[in-house]
């Protein structure tokens, strides 16, 4: 589904990622962990097309997307849900979802919104409310739901647990499992809640200083406190 080879990129001439390679198989949940400043969010921005690729290649569903803008990648089936509950607070829940399907025929948009309401029934109950009146957890659910409206093949998630109260974390990760199964899509997720994200992932990559420090099946890290400590030091 996704294959990244020797990716190099950064901001304003300052390099952040160095010869980074990873892959995501169809239908799998792959997590990216690592300390703050290791380049995890930069990786997702490069994949989505927000950041230019300096060197290397990004192949999505058999096609190189290294020069694509985000709008073209969305059309190919790749959507990005950034960190921080990025919703339009002055718009209603329903209007936020409509923005996720900008350009779709009205009837098809309605069908897709109904499909995400089946996974997020609380949003259906609040569809006329302004997004700014939702709780932090509900806003995160809305951001996830909006990213599903284009019917992606691959969903990029940047720290969906950020800013959420501990009692909401289980619900967020439960929803991610439902999304993976219900919509038959692949998920690449950057997350600081290591044990929680490992519990739902098939494969894990750990980053340090812009490079891959570890890659393998999640079972190799679950319960291995010594290895996890090494990766985060």
Protein backbone atom coordinates (compact mmCIF):
# COMPACT_ATOMS: atom_id res chain seq x y z
CA UNK A 1 0.00 0.00 0.00
CA UNK A 2 2.78 2.42 0.97
CA UNK A 3 6.52 2.10 0.38
CA UNK A 4 8.97 4.81 1.38
CA UNK A 5 12.57 4.50 0.23
CA UNK A 6 15.50 6.60 1.48
CA UNK A 7 13.35 9.65 2.26
CA UNK A 8 15.16 12.91 3.00
CA UNK A 9 13.34 16.14 3.82
CA UNK A 10 13.06 19.00 6.31
CA UNK A 11 12.11 22.66 6.74
CA UNK A 12 13.72 25.72 5.13
CA UNK A 13 16.94 23.92 4.35
CA UNK A 14 17.19 22.27 7.78
CA UNK A 15 17.18 18.49 7.30
CA UNK A 16 14.96 16.46 9.63
CA UNK A 17 14.62 13.02 7.98
CA UNK A 18 17.64 11.02 6.81
CA UNK A 19 17.37 8.10 4.35
CA UNK A 20 14.19 6.88 6.01
CA UNK A 21 12.49 3.75 4.65
CA UNK A 22 9.30 2.00 5.77
CA UNK A 23 6.27 0.21 4.35
CA UNK A 24 2.61 -0.32 5.16
CA UNK A 25 0.78 -3.40 3.91
CA UNK A 26 -2.89 -3.31 2.84
CA UNK A 27 -5.34 -3.49 5.73
CA UNK A 28 -2.65 -3.24 8.41
CA UNK A 29 -2.19 -0.78 11.29
CA UNK A 30 1.40 0.44 11.50
CA UNK A 31 2.58 2.67 14.34
CA UNK A 32 5.49 5.10 14.49
CA UNK A 33 6.83 5.85 17.97
CA UNK A 34 9.84 7.70 19.34
CA UNK A 35 10.83 10.69 21.46
CA UNK A 36 9.68 14.24 20.75
CA UNK A 37 11.67 15.87 17.96
CA UNK A 38 12.53 12.60 16.24
CA UNK A 39 10.73 13.57 13.01
CA UNK A 40 7.50 11.58 13.31
CA UNK A 41 5.12 14.39 12.34
CA UNK A 42 7.52 15.49 9.61
CA UNK A 43 7.24 12.00 8.12
CA UNK A 44 3.45 12.23 7.88
CA UNK A 45 3.62 15.71 6.36
CA UNK A 46 6.01 14.46 3.68
CA UNK A 47 3.78 11.48 2.85
CA UNK A 48 0.66 13.64 2.61
CA UNK A 49 2.38 16.17 0.32
CA UNK A 50 2.55 19.08 2.75
CA UNK A 51 6.35 18.93 2.77
CA UNK A 52 8.44 18.45 -0.40
CA UNK A 53 10.59 15.37 -0.80
CA UNK A 54 14.26 16.34 -1.17
CA UNK A 55 15.51 12.89 -1.99
CA UNK A 56 14.13 9.36 -2.11
CA UNK A 57 10.69 8.16 -3.11
CA UNK A 58 7.19 7.62 -1.73
CA UNK A 59 5.11 5.04 -3.59
CA UNK A 60 1.42 4.75 -2.76
CA UNK A 61 -0.67 1.95 -4.25
CA UNK A 62 2.00 1.36 -6.90
CA UNK A 63 2.37 5.02 -7.96
CA UNK A 64 5.09 7.51 -6.96
CA UNK A 65 3.54 10.48 -5.13
CA UNK A 66 6.76 12.28 -4.18
CA UNK A 67 5.78 15.37 -6.18
CA UNK A 68 2.03 15.32 -5.49
CA UNK A 69 0.18 18.11 -3.65
CA UNK A 70 -2.14 17.03 -0.79
CA UNK A 71 -5.26 17.51 -2.93
CA UNK A 72 -4.08 14.98 -5.49
CA UNK A 73 -3.15 12.46 -2.80
CA UNK A 74 -6.63 12.73 -1.29
CA UNK A 75 -8.04 11.84 -4.69
CA UNK A 76 -5.80 8.78 -4.81
CA UNK A 77 -7.10 7.59 -1.45
CA UNK A 78 -4.63 9.00 1.09
CA UNK A 79 -5.92 11.26 3.87
CA UNK A 80 -4.16 12.95 6.78
CA UNK A 81 -5.62 13.71 10.20
CA UNK A 82 -3.19 16.13 11.92
CA UNK A 83 -2.74 16.45 15.66
CA UNK A 84 -4.65 18.90 17.81
CA UNK A 85 -8.37 18.36 17.06
CA UNK A 86 -8.28 20.39 13.84
CA UNK A 87 -11.98 21.07 13.38
CA UNK A 88 -13.85 24.17 12.23
CA UNK A 89 -15.28 25.29 15.57
CA UNK A 90 -17.82 27.79 14.15
CA UNK A 91 -19.32 25.21 11.80
CA UNK A 92 -21.68 22.41 12.77
CA UNK A 93 -20.63 18.80 13.00
CA UNK A 94 -22.42 18.07 9.72
CA UNK A 95 -20.79 21.04 7.97
CA UNK A 96 -17.36 19.83 9.09
CA UNK A 97 -18.09 16.46 7.51
CA UNK A 98 -19.29 18.12 4.32
CA UNK A 99 -15.92 19.88 4.03
CA UNK A 100 -14.27 16.45 4.17
CA UNK A 101 -16.19 15.54 1.04
CA UNK A 102 -15.69 18.80 -0.84
CA UNK A 103 -16.31 18.21 -4.55
CA UNK A 104 -18.31 15.00 -4.13
CA UNK A 105 -21.81 14.75 -5.64
CA UNK A 106 -24.43 15.61 -3.00
CA UNK A 107 -26.00 12.14 -2.95
CA UNK A 108 -22.65 10.36 -2.63
CA UNK A 109 -21.57 12.76 0.12
CA UNK A 110 -24.73 11.97 2.06
CA UNK A 111 -24.05 8.24 1.78
CA UNK A 112 -20.50 8.66 3.06
CA UNK A 113 -21.58 10.83 5.98
CA UNK A 114 -24.15 8.19 6.94
CA UNK A 115 -21.42 5.55 6.84
CA UNK A 116 -19.21 7.44 9.33
CA UNK A 117 -22.23 8.11 11.55
CA UNK A 118 -22.57 4.34 11.85
CA UNK A 119 -19.13 4.26 13.49
CA UNK A 120 -19.57 7.52 15.41
CA UNK A 121 -23.22 7.53 16.59
CA UNK A 122 -22.52 10.31 19.11
CA UNK A 123 -21.66 12.64 16.20
CA UNK A 124 -24.98 11.82 14.54
CA UNK A 125 -26.79 12.85 17.69
CA UNK A 126 -24.91 16.16 17.68
CA UNK A 127 -24.81 16.80 13.94
CA UNK A 128 -26.52 20.20 14.26
CA UNK A 129 -24.26 21.43 17.07
CA UNK A 130 -21.27 23.69 16.48
CA UNK A 131 -18.03 21.73 16.61
CA UNK A 132 -16.64 24.22 19.13
CA UNK A 133 -19.25 23.07 21.64
CA UNK A 134 -18.06 19.46 21.54
CA UNK A 135 -15.77 17.99 24.16
CA UNK A 136 -12.12 17.38 23.31
CA UNK A 137 -12.81 13.70 22.75
CA UNK A 138 -15.78 14.43 20.51
CA UNK A 139 -13.74 16.91 18.46
CA UNK A 140 -11.09 14.24 17.96
CA UNK A 141 -13.79 11.83 16.79
CA UNK A 142 -15.07 14.49 14.38
CA UNK A 143 -11.58 15.02 12.95
CA UNK A 144 -11.27 11.26 12.43
CA UNK A 145 -14.72 11.03 10.88
CA UNK A 146 -14.01 13.91 8.49
CA UNK A 147 -10.80 12.19 7.32
CA UNK A 148 -12.90 9.13 6.41
CA UNK A 149 -15.36 10.98 4.17
CA UNK A 150 -13.14 10.73 1.03
CA UNK A 151 -13.12 6.90 1.49
CA UNK A 152 -9.34 6.61 1.90
CA UNK A 153 -7.26 3.52 1.33
CA UNK A 154 -4.65 4.78 3.81
CA UNK A 155 -5.29 6.99 6.81
CA UNK A 156 -2.42 8.99 8.33
CA UNK A 157 -2.97 9.87 12.00
CA UNK A 158 -0.79 12.23 14.02
CA UNK A 159 -1.19 11.64 17.76
CA UNK A 160 -4.98 11.17 17.98
CA UNK A 161 -4.68 10.91 21.79
CA UNK A 162 -3.08 14.36 22.17
CA UNK A 163 -4.77 16.45 24.85
CA UNK A 164 -7.36 13.83 25.75
CA UNK A 165 -8.21 12.89 29.31
CA UNK A 166 -7.04 9.38 30.33
CA UNK A 167 -10.61 8.07 30.48
CA UNK A 168 -11.07 8.89 26.77
CA UNK A 169 -7.96 7.12 25.50
CA UNK A 170 -9.47 3.65 25.43
CA UNK A 171 -12.39 4.93 23.37
CA UNK A 172 -10.11 6.56 20.81
CA UNK A 173 -8.07 3.41 20.24
CA UNK A 174 -11.22 1.28 20.19
CA UNK A 175 -12.58 3.51 17.42
CA UNK A 176 -9.36 3.14 15.45
CA UNK A 177 -9.73 -0.65 15.51
CA UNK A 178 -13.35 -0.29 14.34
CA UNK A 179 -12.30 2.07 11.54
CA UNK A 180 -9.61 -0.34 10.36
CA UNK A 181 -12.10 -3.21 10.22
CA UNK A 182 -15.23 -1.36 9.10
CA UNK A 183 -13.62 0.56 6.24
CA UNK A 184 -10.97 -2.03 5.32
CA UNK A 185 -8.25 0.59 5.21
CA UNK A 186 -4.61 0.77 6.18
CA UNK A 187 -3.54 3.06 9.02
CA UNK A 188 -0.18 4.72 9.69
CA UNK A 189 -0.31 6.26 13.14
CA UNK A 190 2.17 8.45 15.01
CA UNK A 191 1.55 8.18 18.74
CA UNK A 192 3.19 8.91 22.09
CA UNK A 193 0.92 6.57 24.07
CA UNK A 194 3.21 3.65 23.31
CA UNK A 195 1.55 0.72 25.06
CA UNK A 196 -1.90 1.72 23.82
CA UNK A 197 -0.84 2.05 20.18
CA UNK A 198 1.18 -1.17 20.28
CA UNK A 199 -1.96 -2.99 21.41
CA UNK A 200 -3.73 -2.16 18.12
CA UNK A 201 -0.78 -2.25 15.69
CA UNK A 202 0.47 -5.05 13.45
CA UNK A 203 3.87 -3.50 12.94
CA UNK A 204 5.92 -0.76 14.58
CA UNK A 205 8.71 1.61 13.63
CA UNK A 206 10.64 3.66 16.17
CA UNK A 207 12.37 6.87 15.12
CA UNK A 208 15.30 8.71 16.65
CA UNK A 209 16.91 11.88 15.29
CA UNK A 210 15.22 11.54 11.91
CA UNK A 211 16.16 7.91 11.31
CA UNK A 212 14.57 4.51 11.87
CA UNK A 213 15.99 3.07 15.10
CA UNK A 214 13.81 -0.06 15.17
CA UNK A 215 11.33 -1.88 12.95
CA UNK A 216 9.47 -5.10 13.50
CA UNK A 217 6.28 -6.76 14.74
CA UNK A 218 4.67 -5.19 17.79
CA UNK A 219 5.15 -8.42 19.77
CA UNK A 220 8.87 -7.69 19.79
CA UNK A 221 8.31 -4.56 21.91
CA UNK A 222 5.25 -5.41 24.01
CA UNK A 223 6.42 -5.90 27.56
CA UNK A 224 10.06 -5.28 26.60
CA UNK A 225 10.61 -2.30 28.90
CA UNK A 226 14.37 -2.40 28.47
CA UNK A 227 14.16 -2.08 24.68
CA UNK A 228 11.53 0.63 24.85
CA UNK A 229 13.67 2.60 27.27
CA UNK A 230 16.61 2.38 24.84
CA UNK A 231 14.47 3.67 21.99
CA UNK A 232 13.29 6.70 23.96
CA UNK A 233 16.64 7.73 25.42
